[in-house]
């Protein structure tokens, strides 16, 4: 069964931090490259961070130096640590295979950066 469950979002002030988690089913996660995507209101979904099955990471320029993606293979879980958040980071965040996501998407987790 395909499953992606994102959590950890919330309301945070500019400059704050959050840690997102994504629990995935083995069929999506095992030996697959994973990524975090986000979709702001009225915008296209974009890939912001990716981690290969071997642990190599890559980031969009807009989040480089502020976000850290990691994975815990024993738990089929991928994380996104977000620091120095700003209002432009406000979006619904999703995880999926990267850079070619499967058709199924989880419900996402809302991140709102506002004072």
N, C-alpha and C. Protein backbone atom coordinates (compact mmCIF):
# COMPACT_ATOMS: atom_id res chain seq x y z
N UNK A 1 0.85 -1.19 0.00
CA UNK A 1 0.00 0.00 0.00
C UNK A 1 0.88 1.24 0.00
N UNK A 2 0.58 2.18 -0.89
CA UNK A 2 1.34 3.42 -0.98
C UNK A 2 0.90 4.35 0.13
N UNK A 3 1.88 4.90 0.85
CA UNK A 3 1.55 5.79 1.95
C UNK A 3 2.64 6.84 2.12
N UNK A 4 2.22 8.08 2.26
CA UNK A 4 3.09 9.20 2.57
C UNK A 4 2.36 10.05 3.60
N UNK A 5 2.94 10.20 4.78
CA UNK A 5 2.30 10.95 5.85
C UNK A 5 3.27 12.00 6.36
N UNK A 6 2.96 13.26 6.04
CA UNK A 6 3.80 14.38 6.46
C UNK A 6 3.26 14.97 7.76
N UNK A 7 4.19 15.48 8.60
CA UNK A 7 3.80 16.10 9.86
C UNK A 7 4.86 17.09 10.30
N UNK A 8 4.52 17.90 11.29
CA UNK A 8 5.49 18.81 11.88
C UNK A 8 5.34 20.26 11.51
N UNK A 9 4.41 20.57 10.63
CA UNK A 9 4.21 21.95 10.23
C UNK A 9 3.55 22.77 11.33
N UNK A 10 3.39 24.06 11.07
CA UNK A 10 2.74 24.93 12.04
C UNK A 10 2.99 26.38 11.73
N UNK A 11 2.62 27.21 12.69
CA UNK A 11 2.82 28.66 12.58
C UNK A 11 4.10 29.02 13.33
N UNK A 12 4.97 29.75 12.66
CA UNK A 12 6.25 30.12 13.27
C UNK A 12 6.58 31.55 12.89
N UNK A 13 7.27 32.25 13.77
CA UNK A 13 7.67 33.63 13.48
C UNK A 13 8.86 33.66 12.55
N UNK A 14 9.04 34.74 11.80
CA UNK A 14 10.23 34.88 10.96
C UNK A 14 11.50 34.68 11.79
N UNK A 15 12.42 33.93 11.23
CA UNK A 15 13.65 33.59 11.93
C UNK A 15 13.57 32.32 12.73
N UNK A 16 12.38 31.76 12.84
CA UNK A 16 12.19 30.54 13.62
C UNK A 16 12.55 29.28 12.87
N UNK A 17 12.34 28.14 13.54
CA UNK A 17 12.71 26.84 12.99
C UNK A 17 11.56 25.85 13.13
N UNK A 18 11.56 24.87 12.24
CA UNK A 18 10.64 23.74 12.32
C UNK A 18 11.35 22.51 11.80
N UNK A 19 10.85 21.36 12.24
CA UNK A 19 11.35 20.09 11.72
C UNK A 19 10.16 19.29 11.21
N UNK A 20 10.18 19.00 9.93
CA UNK A 20 9.13 18.21 9.31
C UNK A 20 9.54 16.74 9.25
N UNK A 21 8.56 15.87 9.31
CA UNK A 21 8.79 14.43 9.18
C UNK A 21 7.86 13.86 8.12
N UNK A 22 8.32 12.82 7.47
CA UNK A 22 7.50 12.14 6.48
C UNK A 22 7.70 10.64 6.63
N UNK A 23 6.64 9.94 6.97
CA UNK A 23 6.67 8.48 7.05
C UNK A 23 6.17 7.92 5.73
N UNK A 24 6.97 7.08 5.12
CA UNK A 24 6.62 6.56 3.79
C UNK A 24 6.53 5.04 3.82
N UNK A 25 5.73 4.51 2.93
CA UNK A 25 5.68 3.06 2.78
C UNK A 25 6.97 2.59 2.10
N UNK A 26 7.29 1.34 2.35
CA UNK A 26 8.55 0.83 1.84
C UNK A 26 8.66 0.88 0.33
N UNK A 27 7.56 0.71 -0.36
CA UNK A 27 7.60 0.70 -1.82
C UNK A 27 8.06 2.03 -2.38
N UNK A 28 7.78 3.11 -1.67
CA UNK A 28 8.21 4.45 -2.12
C UNK A 28 9.59 4.79 -1.61
N UNK A 29 9.93 4.32 -0.42
CA UNK A 29 11.12 4.80 0.28
C UNK A 29 12.36 3.95 0.02
N UNK A 30 12.23 2.66 0.11
CA UNK A 30 13.40 1.77 0.11
C UNK A 30 14.21 1.89 -1.18
N UNK A 31 15.47 2.23 -1.01
CA UNK A 31 16.44 2.36 -2.11
C UNK A 31 16.03 3.42 -3.13
N UNK A 32 15.17 4.34 -2.71
CA UNK A 32 14.73 5.40 -3.61
C UNK A 32 15.24 6.75 -3.12
N UNK A 33 15.48 7.66 -4.07
CA UNK A 33 15.82 9.03 -3.71
C UNK A 33 14.54 9.75 -3.29
N UNK A 34 14.63 10.50 -2.19
CA UNK A 34 13.47 11.17 -1.63
C UNK A 34 13.65 12.68 -1.65
N UNK A 35 12.53 13.40 -1.64
CA UNK A 35 12.62 14.84 -1.64
C UNK A 35 11.47 15.48 -0.89
N UNK A 36 11.70 16.72 -0.53
CA UNK A 36 10.64 17.56 0.03
C UNK A 36 10.26 18.59 -1.04
N UNK A 37 8.98 18.71 -1.24
CA UNK A 37 8.42 19.67 -2.18
C UNK A 37 7.57 20.67 -1.39
N UNK A 38 7.32 21.81 -1.98
CA UNK A 38 6.38 22.74 -1.36
C UNK A 38 5.56 23.43 -2.43
N UNK A 39 4.36 23.81 -2.02
CA UNK A 39 3.47 24.52 -2.93
C UNK A 39 2.84 25.69 -2.18
N UNK A 40 3.23 26.87 -2.58
CA UNK A 40 2.63 28.08 -2.02
C UNK A 40 1.33 28.38 -2.75
N UNK A 41 0.47 29.13 -2.11
CA UNK A 41 -0.83 29.46 -2.69
C UNK A 41 -0.66 30.15 -4.04
N UNK A 42 -1.32 29.60 -5.06
CA UNK A 42 -1.26 30.19 -6.39
C UNK A 42 -0.01 29.90 -7.17
N UNK A 43 0.86 29.03 -6.64
CA UNK A 43 2.13 28.73 -7.33
C UNK A 43 2.24 27.24 -7.62
N UNK A 44 3.18 26.92 -8.50
CA UNK A 44 3.45 25.52 -8.82
C UNK A 44 4.20 24.85 -7.68
N UNK A 45 4.02 23.54 -7.58
CA UNK A 45 4.77 22.78 -6.60
C UNK A 45 6.24 22.73 -7.04
N UNK A 46 7.15 22.92 -6.08
CA UNK A 46 8.57 22.93 -6.39
C UNK A 46 9.34 22.00 -5.45
N UNK A 47 10.39 21.42 -5.97
CA UNK A 47 11.27 20.58 -5.18
C UNK A 47 12.28 21.47 -4.47
N UNK A 48 12.37 21.36 -3.15
CA UNK A 48 13.29 22.23 -2.40
C UNK A 48 14.48 21.49 -1.84
N UNK A 49 14.37 20.19 -1.61
CA UNK A 49 15.49 19.44 -1.05
C UNK A 49 15.33 17.98 -1.43
N UNK A 50 16.46 17.32 -1.65
CA UNK A 50 16.44 15.91 -2.02
C UNK A 50 17.60 15.18 -1.35
N UNK A 51 17.37 13.91 -1.09
CA UNK A 51 18.42 13.05 -0.52
C UNK A 51 18.38 11.72 -1.25
N UNK A 52 19.55 11.27 -1.70
CA UNK A 52 19.61 9.99 -2.40
C UNK A 52 19.52 8.84 -1.40
N UNK A 53 19.36 7.65 -1.92
CA UNK A 53 19.30 6.48 -1.05
C UNK A 53 20.61 6.32 -0.28
N UNK A 54 21.69 6.86 -0.81
CA UNK A 54 22.98 6.78 -0.13
C UNK A 54 23.29 7.96 0.77
N UNK A 55 22.40 8.94 0.81
CA UNK A 55 22.57 10.06 1.74
C UNK A 55 23.10 11.34 1.14
N UNK A 56 23.34 11.38 -0.15
CA UNK A 56 23.78 12.63 -0.78
C UNK A 56 22.61 13.60 -0.87
N UNK A 57 22.86 14.87 -0.52
CA UNK A 57 21.78 15.85 -0.49
C UNK A 57 21.96 16.92 -1.56
N UNK A 58 20.84 17.54 -1.89
CA UNK A 58 20.84 18.64 -2.86
C UNK A 58 19.71 19.57 -2.48
N UNK A 59 19.91 20.89 -2.73
CA UNK A 59 18.95 21.88 -2.30
C UNK A 59 18.68 22.92 -3.38
N UNK A 60 17.47 23.44 -3.37
CA UNK A 60 17.17 24.60 -4.21
C UNK A 60 17.93 25.80 -3.65
N UNK A 61 18.29 26.72 -4.53
CA UNK A 61 19.04 27.90 -4.08
C UNK A 61 18.30 28.68 -3.01
N UNK A 62 16.99 28.68 -3.07
CA UNK A 62 16.20 29.49 -2.14
C UNK A 62 16.28 28.99 -0.70
N UNK A 63 16.69 27.74 -0.50
CA UNK A 63 16.73 27.18 0.86
C UNK A 63 18.13 26.73 1.27
N UNK A 64 19.06 26.82 0.36
CA UNK A 64 20.42 26.34 0.64
C UNK A 64 21.00 27.10 1.83
N UNK A 65 21.59 26.35 2.75
CA UNK A 65 22.17 26.96 3.94
C UNK A 65 21.20 27.13 5.08
N UNK A 66 19.89 26.95 4.81
CA UNK A 66 18.88 27.11 5.86
C UNK A 66 18.15 25.80 6.15
N UNK A 67 17.96 24.98 5.14
CA UNK A 67 17.23 23.71 5.28
C UNK A 67 18.21 22.55 5.24
N UNK A 68 17.88 21.50 5.98
CA UNK A 68 18.68 20.28 5.97
C UNK A 68 17.75 19.07 5.84
N UNK A 69 17.96 18.29 4.81
CA UNK A 69 17.18 17.07 4.62
C UNK A 69 17.98 15.87 5.10
N UNK A 70 17.30 14.92 5.69
CA UNK A 70 17.96 13.70 6.15
C UNK A 70 16.95 12.56 6.08
N UNK A 71 17.47 11.34 6.21
CA UNK A 71 16.59 10.18 6.16
C UNK A 71 17.02 9.15 7.19
N UNK A 72 16.06 8.42 7.67
CA UNK A 72 16.31 7.34 8.62
C UNK A 72 15.73 6.07 8.00
N UNK A 73 16.59 5.30 7.37
CA UNK A 73 16.14 4.17 6.57
C UNK A 73 15.42 3.10 7.40
N UNK A 74 15.84 2.91 8.63
CA UNK A 74 15.21 1.89 9.47
C UNK A 74 13.75 2.21 9.77
N UNK A 75 13.40 3.49 9.66
CA UNK A 75 12.02 3.92 9.96
C UNK A 75 11.26 4.37 8.71
N UNK A 76 11.87 4.21 7.54
CA UNK A 76 11.23 4.69 6.29
C UNK A 76 10.77 6.13 6.44
N UNK A 77 11.63 6.97 7.01
CA UNK A 77 11.25 8.34 7.32
C UNK A 77 12.28 9.31 6.77
N UNK A 78 11.79 10.42 6.25
CA UNK A 78 12.65 11.50 5.79
C UNK A 78 12.27 12.75 6.56
N UNK A 79 13.28 13.57 6.87
CA UNK A 79 13.09 14.76 7.68
C UNK A 79 13.51 16.00 6.90
N UNK A 80 12.98 17.14 7.33
CA UNK A 80 13.43 18.42 6.81
C UNK A 80 13.54 19.39 7.97
N UNK A 81 14.76 19.74 8.29
CA UNK A 81 15.01 20.74 9.32
C UNK A 81 15.06 22.09 8.62
N UNK A 82 14.25 23.02 9.08
CA UNK A 82 14.17 24.34 8.46
C UNK A 82 14.53 25.40 9.48
N UNK A 83 15.57 26.15 9.19
CA UNK A 83 16.01 27.24 10.06
C UNK A 83 15.87 28.57 9.34
N UNK A 84 15.94 29.65 10.12
CA UNK A 84 15.88 31.01 9.55
C UNK A 84 14.70 31.16 8.59
N UNK A 85 13.56 30.71 9.01
CA UNK A 85 12.39 30.75 8.15
C UNK A 85 11.95 32.19 7.87
N UNK A 86 11.46 32.42 6.68
CA UNK A 86 10.93 33.72 6.32
C UNK A 86 9.55 33.56 5.67
N UNK A 87 8.80 34.63 5.52
CA UNK A 87 7.43 34.51 4.99
C UNK A 87 7.35 33.84 3.62
N UNK A 88 8.42 33.92 2.82
CA UNK A 88 8.43 33.28 1.51
C UNK A 88 8.47 31.76 1.61
N UNK A 89 8.74 31.23 2.78
CA UNK A 89 8.73 29.78 2.98
C UNK A 89 7.33 29.25 3.28
N UNK A 90 6.37 30.12 3.43
CA UNK A 90 5.00 29.70 3.70
C UNK A 90 4.46 28.87 2.54
N UNK A 91 4.01 27.66 2.85
CA UNK A 91 3.55 26.74 1.82
C UNK A 91 3.07 25.46 2.48
N UNK A 92 2.45 24.60 1.68
CA UNK A 92 2.20 23.22 2.10
C UNK A 92 3.39 22.39 1.64
N UNK A 93 3.95 21.63 2.55
CA UNK A 93 5.13 20.84 2.27
C UNK A 93 4.75 19.36 2.13
N UNK A 94 5.31 18.74 1.10
CA UNK A 94 5.05 17.34 0.79
C UNK A 94 6.37 16.59 0.62
N UNK A 95 6.34 15.30 0.84
CA UNK A 95 7.48 14.48 0.48
C UNK A 95 7.06 13.49 -0.61
N UNK A 96 8.05 13.02 -1.35
CA UNK A 96 7.79 12.07 -2.42
C UNK A 96 9.14 11.65 -2.97
N UNK A 97 9.14 10.74 -3.93
CA UNK A 97 10.38 10.42 -4.64
C UNK A 97 10.87 11.69 -5.35
N UNK A 98 12.16 11.76 -5.55
CA UNK A 98 12.74 12.93 -6.22
C UNK A 98 13.84 12.46 -7.17
N UNK A 99 14.00 13.12 -8.31
CA UNK A 99 13.20 14.25 -8.77
C UNK A 99 11.93 13.84 -9.53
N UNK A 100 11.62 12.54 -9.58
CA UNK A 100 10.44 12.09 -10.31
C UNK A 100 9.45 11.49 -9.31
N UNK A 101 8.51 12.30 -8.85
CA UNK A 101 7.58 11.82 -7.83
C UNK A 101 6.61 10.79 -8.39
N UNK A 102 6.14 9.92 -7.50
CA UNK A 102 5.07 9.00 -7.89
C UNK A 102 3.77 9.80 -7.96
N UNK A 103 2.78 9.23 -8.60
CA UNK A 103 1.52 9.94 -8.81
C UNK A 103 0.81 10.24 -7.51
N UNK A 104 0.97 9.37 -6.52
CA UNK A 104 0.29 9.55 -5.24
C UNK A 104 1.00 10.61 -4.40
N UNK A 105 0.22 11.50 -3.77
CA UNK A 105 0.74 12.49 -2.84
C UNK A 105 0.02 12.38 -1.51
N UNK A 106 0.73 12.61 -0.43
CA UNK A 106 0.11 12.67 0.87
C UNK A 106 -0.67 13.96 1.05
N UNK A 107 -1.14 14.19 2.28
CA UNK A 107 -1.95 15.38 2.54
C UNK A 107 -1.09 16.62 2.73
N UNK A 108 0.20 16.44 2.94
CA UNK A 108 1.09 17.57 3.16
C UNK A 108 0.95 18.13 4.57
N UNK A 109 1.85 19.06 4.90
CA UNK A 109 1.80 19.73 6.19
C UNK A 109 2.01 21.23 5.96
N UNK A 110 1.15 22.04 6.53
CA UNK A 110 1.16 23.47 6.31
C UNK A 110 2.22 24.14 7.17
N UNK A 111 3.04 24.95 6.53
CA UNK A 111 4.01 25.79 7.23
C UNK A 111 3.65 27.24 6.95
N UNK A 112 3.43 27.98 8.01
CA UNK A 112 3.10 29.40 7.89
C UNK A 112 4.10 30.21 8.69
N UNK A 113 4.77 31.13 8.01
CA UNK A 113 5.77 31.98 8.66
C UNK A 113 5.21 33.40 8.70
N UNK A 114 4.91 33.84 9.90
CA UNK A 114 4.28 35.14 10.05
C UNK A 114 4.48 35.66 11.46
N UNK A 115 4.57 36.98 11.57
CA UNK A 115 4.67 37.59 12.88
C UNK A 115 3.29 37.99 13.39
